[in-house]
């Protein structure tokens, strides 16, 4: 009997004949009773590599988003926010059963809760709440406003927008992406282009400014959205899938140290993941810039804010994630020495009395 994972590989990955993200996240409706709908994913979520513990978080997020979207059934609605929690490690050995609750439907918004259960264990492993809005489309809103002005209609609201600019690394590398370190991973679904500086020690490193360190690289989802039915939806799903990838492993760079296979292998698991989609005018199968900072670490929790930009510098999505993790004592000691190299011992604020589970670094 073919396993769910083998079926995924045969149906979706073989010969690149379908839109991958559309197929991977597809589902079928099992039943509907009042405001509750039951779906089953057509394919399982996967580990990001062979032998990894559990399954990749972005797989949960993308499939959950698509399931919630299916229940909305309003063609001009797109997601604007997702709030999700990783409850238990996922399994590749069975499909996900999704219980979707229709929380509300109004003229401008639809809200859904989606609960993912592993079919073979009936274990709740992931929860998601998603809000959709009518025409999450900045250019359309501006065009509609201009039509109202031209018609002489009474203007009740004026479109206004502002966005944070990407950090300086975006401007440094945006015309040199092809010269960056390129690699593909997560079952051939994601590509990254990484500045080589992330693999070297930080000059003039200051432990007291870890939360201010602005990091960045480029990401895209490896797919041909022309093979699917809905280009815009696929772009949202591809970004949702990619949004949980790689950046957490680079915490060591925020500590002033080079990212290496050994040092990036510290223990961490994602606790939650929030996404805010600012617009629908983006293509996640082309390069997007990932601008992020690790804002804090304490009580074994790591908090980061991650912004996604198109190559013309437009902010199209923001992610906020908290992870649970431990930093080895030797890693913190290396960071302390890197700080002292530039600022001296008297300027170091560090506690390392807890050995391999030291967490207090410059009140990080």
Foldseek 3Di string as FASTA:
>chain_A
DDFLANCLCVPAVPPQLFFRLCLLLDWDWDDDDVQKTKIWGSGAAAQQDPPDWAGAPLSVQLNQLVVQVVVVPDVQKDWFKKKKFFAAGHDRRAIWMKIKGFPDDDPFKTKIKIWTAGVVPRHTGMIMIIMIGGALALVVVQVVVVVCVVVVHDDDDDDDDDDDFFDPVLVVPLVPQVVFDWDATSSRFKIWGAHCCLQAFDPLDALLCLQVDKDKIKMATAGDLVRYDDQLSSQVSSCSSCVRDDPQLSSLVSLRHHRDPVQSPFDKDWGMKMKGFNHSPDGRRDIKMKIKGFNAFDPQKTWMKIWIGDSVRHTGMIMITIMGGFAALVSLVVSQVSNCVNVNPVSFDADRPVGGRGTQGSND
